[in-house]
Amino acid sequence: MSGIVKLKSPAGSTQKHNYSLLAAFFFPVLVCCIGFAATGVFPFGSRSALIIDGSKTASGIYTEGKFG
């Protein structure tokens, strides 16, 4: 015996677990979409979130001269 005990889940709990996983994925996506729409980030406007991130990340690399 390996010492691992398998517990049986109650009927319907697998379906509830699947709904929880879907909610855990789609809730943050919905929050990001609402935030992007409020600030006018693409696809809801002409601004881009990647430009802001790229300028903050790469500026330290280029100013310090550490390229690799």
N, C-alpha and C. Protein backbone atom coordinates (compact mmCIF):
# COMPACT_ATOMS: atom_id res chain seq x y z
N MET A 1 0.85 -1.18 0.00
CA MET A 1 0.00 0.00 0.00
C MET A 1 0.89 1.23 0.00
N SER A 2 0.51 2.21 -0.80
CA SER A 2 1.36 3.38 -0.97
C SER A 2 1.12 4.47 0.06
N GLY A 3 0.08 4.37 0.83
CA GLY A 3 -0.18 5.37 1.85
C GLY A 3 -1.03 6.53 1.36
N ILE A 4 -1.44 6.50 0.08
CA ILE A 4 -2.27 7.57 -0.47
C ILE A 4 -3.72 7.12 -0.41
N VAL A 5 -4.53 7.92 0.21
CA VAL A 5 -5.94 7.62 0.35
C VAL A 5 -6.72 8.50 -0.61
N LYS A 6 -7.50 7.87 -1.47
CA LYS A 6 -8.33 8.62 -2.40
C LYS A 6 -9.71 8.80 -1.79
N LEU A 7 -10.14 10.04 -1.70
CA LEU A 7 -11.45 10.35 -1.16
C LEU A 7 -12.43 10.54 -2.31
N LYS A 8 -13.61 10.02 -2.14
CA LYS A 8 -14.64 10.20 -3.15
C LYS A 8 -15.29 11.57 -2.94
N SER A 9 -15.46 12.29 -4.03
CA SER A 9 -16.10 13.60 -3.93
C SER A 9 -17.60 13.43 -4.05
N PRO A 10 -18.36 14.29 -3.39
CA PRO A 10 -19.81 14.21 -3.48
C PRO A 10 -20.27 14.48 -4.90
N ALA A 11 -21.44 13.98 -5.22
CA ALA A 11 -21.99 14.16 -6.56
C ALA A 11 -22.17 15.64 -6.87
N GLY A 12 -21.72 16.06 -8.03
CA GLY A 12 -21.86 17.45 -8.44
C GLY A 12 -20.71 18.34 -8.03
N SER A 13 -19.80 17.86 -7.20
CA SER A 13 -18.72 18.73 -6.76
C SER A 13 -17.70 18.96 -7.86
N THR A 14 -17.56 18.01 -8.80
CA THR A 14 -16.64 18.19 -9.92
C THR A 14 -17.12 19.33 -10.80
N GLN A 15 -18.42 19.40 -11.01
CA GLN A 15 -18.98 20.48 -11.83
C GLN A 15 -18.78 21.83 -11.14
N LYS A 16 -18.95 21.88 -9.83
CA LYS A 16 -18.72 23.12 -9.08
C LYS A 16 -17.25 23.53 -9.16
N HIS A 17 -16.36 22.54 -9.11
CA HIS A 17 -14.93 22.82 -9.21
C HIS A 17 -14.59 23.40 -10.58
N ASN A 18 -15.20 22.86 -11.63
CA ASN A 18 -14.96 23.38 -12.97
C ASN A 18 -15.44 24.82 -13.10
N TYR A 19 -16.60 25.13 -12.51
CA TYR A 19 -17.09 26.51 -12.54
C TYR A 19 -16.16 27.44 -11.77
N SER A 20 -15.59 26.96 -10.68
CA SER A 20 -14.64 27.77 -9.91
C SER A 20 -13.39 28.07 -10.72
N LEU A 21 -12.90 27.07 -11.45
CA LEU A 21 -11.72 27.29 -12.29
C LEU A 21 -12.01 28.29 -13.41
N LEU A 22 -13.17 28.18 -14.01
CA LEU A 22 -13.54 29.14 -15.06
C LEU A 22 -13.67 30.54 -14.50
N ALA A 23 -14.27 30.66 -13.33
CA ALA A 23 -14.41 31.98 -12.70
C ALA A 23 -13.06 32.55 -12.33
N ALA A 24 -12.14 31.69 -11.87
CA ALA A 24 -10.80 32.15 -11.49
C ALA A 24 -10.02 32.66 -12.70
N PHE A 25 -10.34 32.17 -13.88
CA PHE A 25 -9.68 32.65 -15.10
C PHE A 25 -10.36 33.90 -15.63
N PHE A 26 -11.69 33.89 -15.75
CA PHE A 26 -12.39 34.97 -16.42
C PHE A 26 -12.56 36.23 -15.57
N PHE A 27 -12.56 36.13 -14.26
CA PHE A 27 -12.71 37.33 -13.43
C PHE A 27 -11.55 38.30 -13.61
N PRO A 28 -10.28 37.87 -13.54
CA PRO A 28 -9.19 38.82 -13.79
C PRO A 28 -9.18 39.36 -15.22
N VAL A 29 -9.60 38.54 -16.18
CA VAL A 29 -9.69 39.01 -17.56
C VAL A 29 -10.73 40.12 -17.66
N LEU A 30 -11.86 39.94 -17.00
CA LEU A 30 -12.91 40.96 -17.00
C LEU A 30 -12.44 42.24 -16.33
N VAL A 31 -11.72 42.12 -15.23
CA VAL A 31 -11.21 43.30 -14.53
C VAL A 31 -10.22 44.05 -15.41
N CYS A 32 -9.33 43.34 -16.10
CA CYS A 32 -8.37 43.99 -17.01
C CYS A 32 -9.09 44.68 -18.16
N CYS A 33 -10.11 44.03 -18.72
CA CYS A 33 -10.85 44.65 -19.82
C CYS A 33 -11.56 45.92 -19.36
N ILE A 34 -12.12 45.91 -18.18
CA ILE A 34 -12.77 47.11 -17.65
C ILE A 34 -11.74 48.22 -17.43
N GLY A 35 -10.58 47.87 -16.88
CA GLY A 35 -9.53 48.86 -16.68
C GLY A 35 -9.00 49.42 -17.99
N PHE A 36 -8.81 48.57 -18.99
CA PHE A 36 -8.35 49.03 -20.30
C PHE A 36 -9.39 49.94 -20.95
N ALA A 37 -10.66 49.59 -20.81
CA ALA A 37 -11.72 50.42 -21.39
C ALA A 37 -11.78 51.78 -20.69
N ALA A 38 -11.59 51.81 -19.39
CA ALA A 38 -11.66 53.06 -18.63
C ALA A 38 -10.50 53.99 -18.97
N THR A 39 -9.34 53.44 -19.29
CA THR A 39 -8.18 54.28 -19.57
C THR A 39 -7.89 54.45 -21.06
N GLY A 40 -8.68 53.80 -21.92
CA GLY A 40 -8.51 53.97 -23.36
C GLY A 40 -7.36 53.19 -23.96
N VAL A 41 -7.05 52.04 -23.37
CA VAL A 41 -5.98 51.19 -23.89
C VAL A 41 -6.57 50.28 -24.97
N PHE A 42 -5.76 49.98 -25.99
CA PHE A 42 -6.19 49.12 -27.10
C PHE A 42 -6.76 47.82 -26.55
N PRO A 43 -7.83 47.30 -27.03
CA PRO A 43 -8.62 47.59 -28.22
C PRO A 43 -9.74 48.59 -27.98
N PHE A 44 -9.76 49.24 -26.83
CA PHE A 44 -10.82 50.20 -26.52
C PHE A 44 -10.42 51.63 -26.82
N GLY A 45 -9.20 51.87 -27.19
CA GLY A 45 -8.70 53.21 -27.48
C GLY A 45 -7.41 53.12 -28.26
N SER A 46 -6.70 54.23 -28.36
CA SER A 46 -5.49 54.27 -29.17
C SER A 46 -4.21 54.12 -28.35
N ARG A 47 -4.32 54.04 -27.03
CA ARG A 47 -3.12 53.91 -26.19
C ARG A 47 -2.69 52.45 -26.09
N SER A 48 -1.44 52.23 -25.72
CA SER A 48 -0.91 50.87 -25.59
C SER A 48 -0.27 50.69 -24.23
N ALA A 49 -0.51 49.53 -23.62
CA ALA A 49 0.10 49.22 -22.33
C ALA A 49 1.54 48.76 -22.50
N LEU A 50 1.90 48.25 -23.65
CA LEU A 50 3.24 47.72 -23.87
C LEU A 50 4.29 48.81 -23.95
N ILE A 51 3.94 49.97 -24.45
CA ILE A 51 4.91 51.06 -24.54
C ILE A 51 5.32 51.51 -23.15
N ILE A 52 4.38 51.59 -22.25
CA ILE A 52 4.68 52.00 -20.88
C ILE A 52 5.61 50.99 -20.23
N ASP A 53 5.33 49.72 -20.38
CA ASP A 53 6.14 48.68 -19.77
C ASP A 53 7.52 48.62 -20.40
N GLY A 54 7.60 48.74 -21.71
CA GLY A 54 8.88 48.66 -22.39
C GLY A 54 9.82 49.81 -22.04
N SER A 55 9.28 50.99 -21.90
CA SER A 55 10.14 52.14 -21.59
C SER A 55 10.70 52.05 -20.17
N LYS A 56 9.92 51.53 -19.25
CA LYS A 56 10.39 51.41 -17.86
C LYS A 56 11.38 50.27 -17.71
N THR A 57 11.18 49.19 -18.44
CA THR A 57 12.06 48.03 -18.33
C THR A 57 13.39 48.28 -19.00
N ALA A 58 13.38 48.79 -20.22
CA ALA A 58 14.60 48.92 -21.00
C ALA A 58 15.43 50.14 -20.61
N SER A 59 14.84 51.14 -20.01
CA SER A 59 15.60 52.36 -19.70
C SER A 59 16.73 52.08 -18.71
N GLY A 60 16.52 51.23 -17.73
CA GLY A 60 17.57 50.88 -16.78
C GLY A 60 18.70 50.11 -17.43
N ILE A 61 18.38 49.27 -18.38
CA ILE A 61 19.40 48.49 -19.08
C ILE A 61 20.29 49.41 -19.90
N TYR A 62 19.68 50.33 -20.63
CA TYR A 62 20.45 51.20 -21.51
C TYR A 62 21.24 52.26 -20.74
N THR A 63 20.72 52.76 -19.65
CA THR A 63 21.45 53.79 -18.90
C THR A 63 22.63 53.21 -18.12
N GLU A 64 22.53 51.99 -17.69
CA GLU A 64 23.61 51.36 -16.94
C GLU A 64 24.64 50.72 -17.85
N GLY A 65 24.32 50.51 -19.13
CA GLY A 65 25.25 49.93 -20.07
C GLY A 65 25.42 48.42 -19.90
N LYS A 66 24.45 47.77 -19.31
CA LYS A 66 24.51 46.32 -19.12
C LYS A 66 23.69 45.66 -20.21
N PHE A 67 24.36 45.22 -21.24
CA PHE A 67 23.64 44.63 -22.37
C PHE A 67 23.72 43.11 -22.38
N GLY A 68 24.32 42.49 -21.44
CA GLY A 68 24.37 41.04 -21.49
C GLY A 68 25.22 40.43 -20.52
